[in-house]
């Protein structure tokens, strides 16, 4: 059995279906699960990237999580990618708002920043946190 990620960012969107299209098309996530209510509103979705997972849903469902977040946002999420420049090119080809191009950081990583359709900031880079180095190829 596959090990579940211990941390899964969870984001809410006004248009969760558009967010899923952008995250899969531009950022390379894959749909793992999408659950809709009877009106076609995304109440919960899970998108995978490597061994990570992001959960998302629609704002305005009236659920406890929706109420707790209220009008909060945007959030920032870091995603490890093997080839930062290729990932950046894909995002640009899909019309993503790039906040900063791929840049070599003083701590040895290469990263770029992008904003999704509803303002969440995504950082994509080859940084591997301390203690995990050697656990990934690359």
N, C-alpha and C. Protein backbone atom coordinates (compact mmCIF):
# COMPACT_ATOMS: atom_id res chain seq x y z
N UNK A 1 0.83 -1.18 0.00
CA UNK A 1 0.00 0.00 0.00
C UNK A 1 0.88 1.25 0.00
N UNK A 2 0.49 2.22 -0.78
CA UNK A 2 1.23 3.47 -0.90
C UNK A 2 1.10 4.30 0.37
N UNK A 3 2.19 4.95 0.76
CA UNK A 3 2.18 5.80 1.96
C UNK A 3 1.52 7.14 1.64
N UNK A 4 0.63 7.57 2.49
CA UNK A 4 -0.07 8.85 2.31
C UNK A 4 0.85 10.00 2.70
N UNK A 5 0.76 11.14 1.99
CA UNK A 5 1.54 12.30 2.41
C UNK A 5 1.10 12.76 3.79
N UNK A 6 2.04 13.23 4.61
CA UNK A 6 1.68 13.64 5.97
C UNK A 6 1.14 15.07 6.01
N UNK A 7 1.40 15.86 4.97
CA UNK A 7 0.87 17.22 4.89
C UNK A 7 0.28 17.43 3.50
N UNK A 8 -0.93 17.93 3.46
CA UNK A 8 -1.61 18.20 2.20
C UNK A 8 -2.21 19.60 2.25
N UNK A 9 -1.63 20.56 1.55
CA UNK A 9 -2.26 21.89 1.51
C UNK A 9 -3.69 21.75 0.99
N UNK A 10 -4.58 22.57 1.51
CA UNK A 10 -5.98 22.54 1.09
C UNK A 10 -6.41 23.96 0.77
N UNK A 11 -6.84 24.18 -0.46
CA UNK A 11 -7.18 25.51 -0.95
C UNK A 11 -8.62 25.56 -1.41
N UNK A 12 -9.24 26.72 -1.28
CA UNK A 12 -10.60 26.92 -1.79
C UNK A 12 -10.57 27.92 -2.93
N UNK A 13 -11.45 27.68 -3.91
CA UNK A 13 -11.52 28.51 -5.11
C UNK A 13 -12.96 28.86 -5.42
N UNK A 14 -13.16 30.06 -5.98
CA UNK A 14 -14.48 30.44 -6.49
C UNK A 14 -14.86 29.51 -7.63
N UNK A 15 -13.90 29.18 -8.50
CA UNK A 15 -14.13 28.29 -9.63
C UNK A 15 -13.14 27.13 -9.55
N UNK A 16 -13.49 26.13 -8.77
CA UNK A 16 -12.59 24.99 -8.54
C UNK A 16 -12.33 24.22 -9.82
N UNK A 17 -13.30 24.15 -10.73
CA UNK A 17 -13.08 23.43 -11.99
C UNK A 17 -12.01 24.13 -12.83
N UNK A 18 -12.03 25.46 -12.88
CA UNK A 18 -10.99 26.20 -13.60
C UNK A 18 -9.64 26.01 -12.92
N UNK A 19 -9.62 25.98 -11.60
CA UNK A 19 -8.37 25.75 -10.87
C UNK A 19 -7.80 24.38 -11.20
N UNK A 20 -8.64 23.36 -11.25
CA UNK A 20 -8.18 22.01 -11.59
C UNK A 20 -7.60 22.00 -13.00
N UNK A 21 -8.26 22.67 -13.94
CA UNK A 21 -7.73 22.73 -15.31
C UNK A 21 -6.37 23.40 -15.34
N UNK A 22 -6.21 24.51 -14.60
CA UNK A 22 -4.93 25.20 -14.60
C UNK A 22 -3.85 24.38 -13.91
N UNK A 23 -4.16 23.83 -12.76
CA UNK A 23 -3.15 23.08 -12.01
C UNK A 23 -2.69 21.83 -12.76
N UNK A 24 -3.60 21.18 -13.48
CA UNK A 24 -3.21 20.00 -14.24
C UNK A 24 -2.53 20.39 -15.55
N UNK A 25 -3.09 21.37 -16.26
CA UNK A 25 -2.53 21.75 -17.55
C UNK A 25 -1.22 22.49 -17.45
N UNK A 26 -1.17 23.52 -16.61
CA UNK A 26 0.00 24.39 -16.56
C UNK A 26 1.06 23.91 -15.58
N UNK A 27 0.66 23.30 -14.48
CA UNK A 27 1.61 22.95 -13.43
C UNK A 27 1.90 21.46 -13.34
N UNK A 28 1.25 20.63 -14.14
CA UNK A 28 1.58 19.22 -14.19
C UNK A 28 0.99 18.34 -13.10
N UNK A 29 0.02 18.84 -12.35
CA UNK A 29 -0.65 17.98 -11.38
C UNK A 29 -1.51 16.96 -12.12
N UNK A 30 -1.85 15.86 -11.47
CA UNK A 30 -2.78 14.89 -12.04
C UNK A 30 -3.96 14.74 -11.09
N UNK A 31 -5.14 14.57 -11.68
CA UNK A 31 -6.34 14.36 -10.86
C UNK A 31 -6.26 13.01 -10.19
N UNK A 32 -6.45 13.01 -8.90
CA UNK A 32 -6.50 11.77 -8.13
C UNK A 32 -7.96 11.46 -7.77
N UNK A 33 -8.70 12.50 -7.40
CA UNK A 33 -10.12 12.34 -7.07
C UNK A 33 -10.80 13.69 -7.19
N UNK A 34 -12.02 13.70 -7.72
CA UNK A 34 -12.83 14.91 -7.79
C UNK A 34 -14.25 14.51 -7.42
N UNK A 35 -14.80 15.18 -6.41
CA UNK A 35 -16.16 14.91 -5.95
C UNK A 35 -17.00 16.16 -6.12
N UNK A 36 -18.14 16.01 -6.78
CA UNK A 36 -19.03 17.14 -7.02
C UNK A 36 -20.37 16.88 -6.34
N UNK A 37 -21.06 17.97 -6.03
CA UNK A 37 -22.42 17.82 -5.50
C UNK A 37 -23.39 17.70 -6.67
N UNK A 38 -24.66 17.63 -6.39
CA UNK A 38 -25.68 17.46 -7.42
C UNK A 38 -25.77 18.60 -8.41
N UNK A 39 -25.23 19.77 -8.03
CA UNK A 39 -25.23 20.93 -8.92
C UNK A 39 -23.94 21.08 -9.72
N UNK A 40 -23.02 20.12 -9.57
CA UNK A 40 -21.75 20.18 -10.28
C UNK A 40 -20.68 21.01 -9.60
N UNK A 41 -20.90 21.42 -8.36
CA UNK A 41 -19.93 22.18 -7.58
C UNK A 41 -18.89 21.21 -7.01
N UNK A 42 -17.61 21.53 -7.17
CA UNK A 42 -16.56 20.67 -6.63
C UNK A 42 -16.53 20.85 -5.11
N UNK A 43 -16.90 19.80 -4.39
CA UNK A 43 -16.87 19.88 -2.93
C UNK A 43 -15.53 19.41 -2.37
N UNK A 44 -14.82 18.58 -3.13
CA UNK A 44 -13.50 18.10 -2.70
C UNK A 44 -12.79 17.52 -3.91
N UNK A 45 -11.51 17.89 -4.05
CA UNK A 45 -10.67 17.31 -5.10
C UNK A 45 -9.29 17.07 -4.54
N UNK A 46 -8.62 16.08 -5.09
CA UNK A 46 -7.25 15.77 -4.71
C UNK A 46 -6.43 15.69 -5.98
N UNK A 47 -5.36 16.49 -6.03
CA UNK A 47 -4.48 16.52 -7.18
C UNK A 47 -3.09 16.11 -6.72
N UNK A 48 -2.46 15.24 -7.49
CA UNK A 48 -1.13 14.73 -7.13
C UNK A 48 -0.05 15.42 -7.93
N UNK A 49 1.10 15.54 -7.29
CA UNK A 49 2.32 15.98 -7.95
C UNK A 49 3.46 15.23 -7.28
N UNK A 50 4.07 14.32 -8.01
CA UNK A 50 5.10 13.48 -7.41
C UNK A 50 4.50 12.68 -6.26
N UNK A 51 5.14 12.73 -5.09
CA UNK A 51 4.61 12.02 -3.93
C UNK A 51 3.78 12.94 -3.03
N UNK A 52 3.44 14.13 -3.55
CA UNK A 52 2.64 15.08 -2.79
C UNK A 52 1.22 15.17 -3.29
N UNK A 53 0.41 15.85 -2.53
CA UNK A 53 -1.01 15.97 -2.83
C UNK A 53 -1.50 17.33 -2.37
N UNK A 54 -2.31 17.98 -3.19
CA UNK A 54 -2.99 19.19 -2.77
C UNK A 54 -4.48 18.90 -2.84
N UNK A 55 -5.21 19.34 -1.85
CA UNK A 55 -6.66 19.18 -1.84
C UNK A 55 -7.27 20.53 -2.12
N UNK A 56 -8.40 20.54 -2.80
CA UNK A 56 -9.07 21.80 -3.08
C UNK A 56 -10.56 21.59 -3.19
N UNK A 57 -11.27 22.68 -3.13
CA UNK A 57 -12.72 22.64 -3.25
C UNK A 57 -13.24 24.01 -3.60
N UNK A 58 -14.54 24.11 -3.67
CA UNK A 58 -15.21 25.35 -4.03
C UNK A 58 -15.53 26.18 -2.80
N UNK A 59 -15.37 27.48 -2.94
CA UNK A 59 -15.85 28.40 -1.90
C UNK A 59 -17.37 28.43 -1.97
N UNK A 60 -17.99 28.73 -0.84
CA UNK A 60 -19.44 28.89 -0.82
C UNK A 60 -20.24 27.62 -0.65
N UNK A 61 -19.59 26.53 -0.22
CA UNK A 61 -20.33 25.28 -0.02
C UNK A 61 -21.11 25.29 1.29
N UNK A 62 -20.70 26.15 2.22
CA UNK A 62 -21.37 26.20 3.51
C UNK A 62 -20.83 25.20 4.51
N UNK A 63 -19.83 24.41 4.10
CA UNK A 63 -19.22 23.44 5.01
C UNK A 63 -18.39 24.12 6.08
N UNK A 64 -17.99 23.37 7.09
CA UNK A 64 -17.22 23.93 8.21
C UNK A 64 -15.89 24.51 7.75
N UNK A 65 -15.19 23.83 6.85
CA UNK A 65 -13.90 24.32 6.36
C UNK A 65 -14.10 25.64 5.60
N UNK A 66 -15.13 25.67 4.77
CA UNK A 66 -15.46 26.88 4.01
C UNK A 66 -15.75 28.04 4.98
N UNK A 67 -16.52 27.78 6.01
CA UNK A 67 -16.85 28.81 7.00
C UNK A 67 -15.61 29.27 7.75
N UNK A 68 -14.74 28.33 8.12
CA UNK A 68 -13.54 28.66 8.89
C UNK A 68 -12.59 29.55 8.09
N UNK A 69 -12.46 29.28 6.80
CA UNK A 69 -11.57 30.09 5.97
C UNK A 69 -12.19 31.43 5.60
N UNK A 70 -13.50 31.48 5.54
CA UNK A 70 -14.17 32.73 5.21
C UNK A 70 -13.63 33.33 3.93
N UNK A 71 -13.29 34.59 4.00
CA UNK A 71 -12.75 35.29 2.84
C UNK A 71 -11.22 35.26 2.84
N UNK A 72 -10.64 34.39 3.66
CA UNK A 72 -9.19 34.30 3.75
C UNK A 72 -8.55 33.90 2.44
N UNK A 73 -7.28 34.11 2.36
CA UNK A 73 -6.53 33.74 1.17
C UNK A 73 -5.61 34.87 0.82
N UNK A 74 -4.90 34.88 -0.19
CA UNK A 74 -4.43 33.66 -0.86
C UNK A 74 -3.38 32.95 -0.02
N UNK A 75 -3.07 31.75 -0.41
CA UNK A 75 -2.06 30.94 0.29
C UNK A 75 -0.87 30.75 -0.63
N UNK A 76 0.23 30.32 -0.06
CA UNK A 76 1.43 29.99 -0.83
C UNK A 76 1.80 28.54 -0.65
N UNK A 77 2.20 27.88 -1.74
CA UNK A 77 2.55 26.46 -1.69
C UNK A 77 3.84 26.25 -2.47
N UNK A 78 4.78 25.51 -1.89
CA UNK A 78 6.01 25.12 -2.59
C UNK A 78 5.85 23.72 -3.13
N UNK A 79 6.29 23.52 -4.38
CA UNK A 79 6.26 22.20 -5.02
C UNK A 79 7.65 21.90 -5.58
N UNK A 80 8.18 20.74 -5.20
CA UNK A 80 9.48 20.32 -5.73
C UNK A 80 9.31 19.79 -7.14
N UNK A 81 10.14 20.29 -8.06
CA UNK A 81 10.17 19.79 -9.43
C UNK A 81 11.61 19.49 -9.80
N UNK A 82 11.81 18.51 -10.67
CA UNK A 82 13.16 18.13 -11.06
C UNK A 82 13.77 19.12 -12.03
N UNK A 83 13.01 19.60 -13.02
CA UNK A 83 13.52 20.49 -14.05
C UNK A 83 12.75 21.81 -13.99
N UNK A 84 13.29 22.76 -13.27
CA UNK A 84 12.61 24.03 -13.02
C UNK A 84 12.34 24.77 -14.32
N UNK A 85 13.32 24.80 -15.21
CA UNK A 85 13.16 25.56 -16.45
C UNK A 85 12.10 24.95 -17.36
N UNK A 86 12.06 23.64 -17.46
CA UNK A 86 11.03 22.98 -18.28
C UNK A 86 9.64 23.21 -17.67
N UNK A 87 9.56 23.14 -16.35
CA UNK A 87 8.29 23.38 -15.67
C UNK A 87 7.82 24.81 -15.92
N UNK A 88 8.73 25.75 -15.83
CA UNK A 88 8.43 27.16 -16.09
C UNK A 88 7.93 27.36 -17.52
N UNK A 89 8.60 26.73 -18.49
CA UNK A 89 8.18 26.85 -19.89
C UNK A 89 6.75 26.36 -20.06
N UNK A 90 6.42 25.24 -19.44
CA UNK A 90 5.06 24.70 -19.52
C UNK A 90 4.05 25.70 -18.96
N UNK A 91 4.37 26.28 -17.81
CA UNK A 91 3.46 27.26 -17.19
C UNK A 91 3.26 28.47 -18.11
N UNK A 92 4.34 28.97 -18.68
CA UNK A 92 4.26 30.12 -19.57
C UNK A 92 3.41 29.79 -20.80
N UNK A 93 3.60 28.59 -21.36
CA UNK A 93 2.82 28.16 -22.52
C UNK A 93 1.32 28.13 -22.22
N UNK A 94 0.96 27.94 -20.96
CA UNK A 94 -0.45 27.92 -20.54
C UNK A 94 -0.93 29.28 -20.05
N UNK A 95 -0.11 30.31 -20.22
CA UNK A 95 -0.53 31.66 -19.87
C UNK A 95 -0.54 32.00 -18.40
N UNK A 96 0.20 31.27 -17.60
CA UNK A 96 0.25 31.51 -16.16
C UNK A 96 0.95 32.85 -15.87
N UNK A 97 0.48 33.54 -14.85
CA UNK A 97 1.14 34.77 -14.39
C UNK A 97 2.39 34.39 -13.61
N UNK A 98 3.54 34.66 -14.18
CA UNK A 98 4.81 34.36 -13.53
C UNK A 98 5.24 35.60 -12.75
N UNK A 99 5.49 35.43 -11.46
CA UNK A 99 5.90 36.54 -10.60
C UNK A 99 7.41 36.75 -10.62
N UNK A 100 8.14 35.66 -10.75
CA UNK A 100 9.60 35.75 -10.91
C UNK A 100 10.05 34.56 -11.73
N UNK A 101 10.95 34.78 -12.68
CA UNK A 101 11.42 33.70 -13.54
C UNK A 101 12.34 32.76 -12.78
N UNK A 102 12.68 31.63 -13.38
CA UNK A 102 13.63 30.73 -12.73
C UNK A 102 14.92 31.48 -12.36
N UNK A 103 15.26 31.37 -11.09
CA UNK A 103 16.40 32.11 -10.55
C UNK A 103 17.18 31.20 -9.61
N UNK A 104 18.51 31.25 -9.74
CA UNK A 104 19.36 30.52 -8.80
C UNK A 104 19.38 31.29 -7.49
N UNK A 105 19.04 30.60 -6.40
CA UNK A 105 18.97 31.21 -5.08
C UNK A 105 20.31 31.06 -4.35
N UNK A 106 20.55 31.93 -3.39
CA UNK A 106 21.82 31.88 -2.65
C UNK A 106 21.97 30.61 -1.82
N UNK A 107 20.87 29.92 -1.54
CA UNK A 107 20.94 28.68 -0.76
C UNK A 107 21.06 27.45 -1.65
N UNK A 108 21.34 27.67 -2.95
CA UNK A 108 21.67 26.55 -3.83
C UNK A 108 20.53 25.99 -4.65
N UNK A 109 19.35 26.51 -4.49
CA UNK A 109 18.20 25.99 -5.24
C UNK A 109 17.91 26.89 -6.44
N UNK A 110 17.13 26.36 -7.37
CA UNK A 110 16.63 27.14 -8.50
C UNK A 110 15.11 27.12 -8.38
N UNK A 111 14.48 28.30 -8.46
CA UNK A 111 13.04 28.40 -8.23
C UNK A 111 12.42 29.47 -9.10
N UNK A 112 11.10 29.36 -9.27
CA UNK A 112 10.33 30.46 -9.84
C UNK A 112 9.00 30.55 -9.11
N UNK A 113 8.37 31.72 -9.19
CA UNK A 113 7.09 31.97 -8.54
C UNK A 113 6.02 32.24 -9.58
N UNK A 114 4.81 31.72 -9.33
CA UNK A 114 3.67 31.95 -10.21
C UNK A 114 2.43 32.16 -9.37
N UNK A 115 1.46 32.83 -9.97
CA UNK A 115 0.18 33.06 -9.29
C UNK A 115 -0.90 32.33 -10.09
N UNK A 116 -1.77 31.60 -9.41
CA UNK A 116 -2.85 30.91 -10.11
C UNK A 116 -4.01 31.87 -10.38
N UNK A 117 -5.05 31.35 -11.00
CA UNK A 117 -6.18 32.17 -11.43
C UNK A 117 -6.86 32.94 -10.31
N UNK A 118 -6.76 32.45 -9.07
CA UNK A 118 -7.44 33.11 -7.96
C UNK A 118 -6.49 33.67 -6.91
N UNK A 119 -5.22 33.85 -7.28
CA UNK A 119 -4.31 34.57 -6.42
C UNK A 119 -3.39 33.75 -5.54
N UNK A 120 -3.54 32.43 -5.48
CA UNK A 120 -2.62 31.63 -4.69
C UNK A 120 -1.25 31.67 -5.36
N UNK A 121 -0.20 31.75 -4.55
CA UNK A 121 1.16 31.84 -5.06
C UNK A 121 1.80 30.46 -4.96
N UNK A 122 2.35 30.03 -6.07
CA UNK A 122 3.01 28.73 -6.18
C UNK A 122 4.49 28.95 -6.44
N UNK A 123 5.32 28.31 -5.63
CA UNK A 123 6.76 28.34 -5.81
C UNK A 123 7.18 26.96 -6.28
N UNK A 124 7.85 26.90 -7.42
CA UNK A 124 8.31 25.63 -7.97
C UNK A 124 9.83 25.67 -8.01
N UNK A 125 10.45 24.64 -7.46
CA UNK A 125 11.91 24.65 -7.43
C UNK A 125 12.49 23.28 -7.16
N UNK A 126 13.82 23.24 -7.21
CA UNK A 126 14.52 21.98 -6.98
C UNK A 126 15.08 21.89 -5.55
N UNK A 127 14.65 22.80 -4.69
CA UNK A 127 15.08 22.78 -3.29
C UNK A 127 14.62 21.50 -2.61
N UNK A 128 15.52 20.90 -1.85
CA UNK A 128 15.18 19.74 -1.03
C UNK A 128 15.47 20.14 0.42
N UNK A 129 14.45 20.13 1.27
CA UNK A 129 14.65 20.54 2.66
C UNK A 129 15.73 19.73 3.38
N UNK A 130 16.39 20.38 4.33
CA UNK A 130 17.40 19.74 5.16
C UNK A 130 16.83 18.46 5.76
N UNK A 131 17.60 17.41 5.77
CA UNK A 131 17.15 16.14 6.33
C UNK A 131 16.55 15.21 5.30
N UNK A 132 16.20 15.75 4.12
CA UNK A 132 15.64 14.93 3.05
C UNK A 132 16.61 14.77 1.91
N UNK A 133 17.71 15.49 1.97
CA UNK A 133 18.70 15.41 0.90
C UNK A 133 19.24 13.99 0.82
N UNK A 134 19.36 13.49 -0.39
CA UNK A 134 19.79 12.11 -0.60
C UNK A 134 18.61 11.17 -0.70
N UNK A 135 17.39 11.66 -0.35
CA UNK A 135 16.22 10.79 -0.43
C UNK A 135 15.54 10.88 -1.79
N UNK A 136 15.97 11.80 -2.64
CA UNK A 136 15.44 11.95 -3.99
C UNK A 136 16.59 11.89 -4.97
N UNK A 137 16.26 11.42 -6.14
CA UNK A 137 17.26 11.45 -7.20
C UNK A 137 17.37 12.88 -7.70
N UNK A 138 18.50 13.24 -8.23
CA UNK A 138 18.63 14.54 -8.85
C UNK A 138 19.66 15.40 -8.26
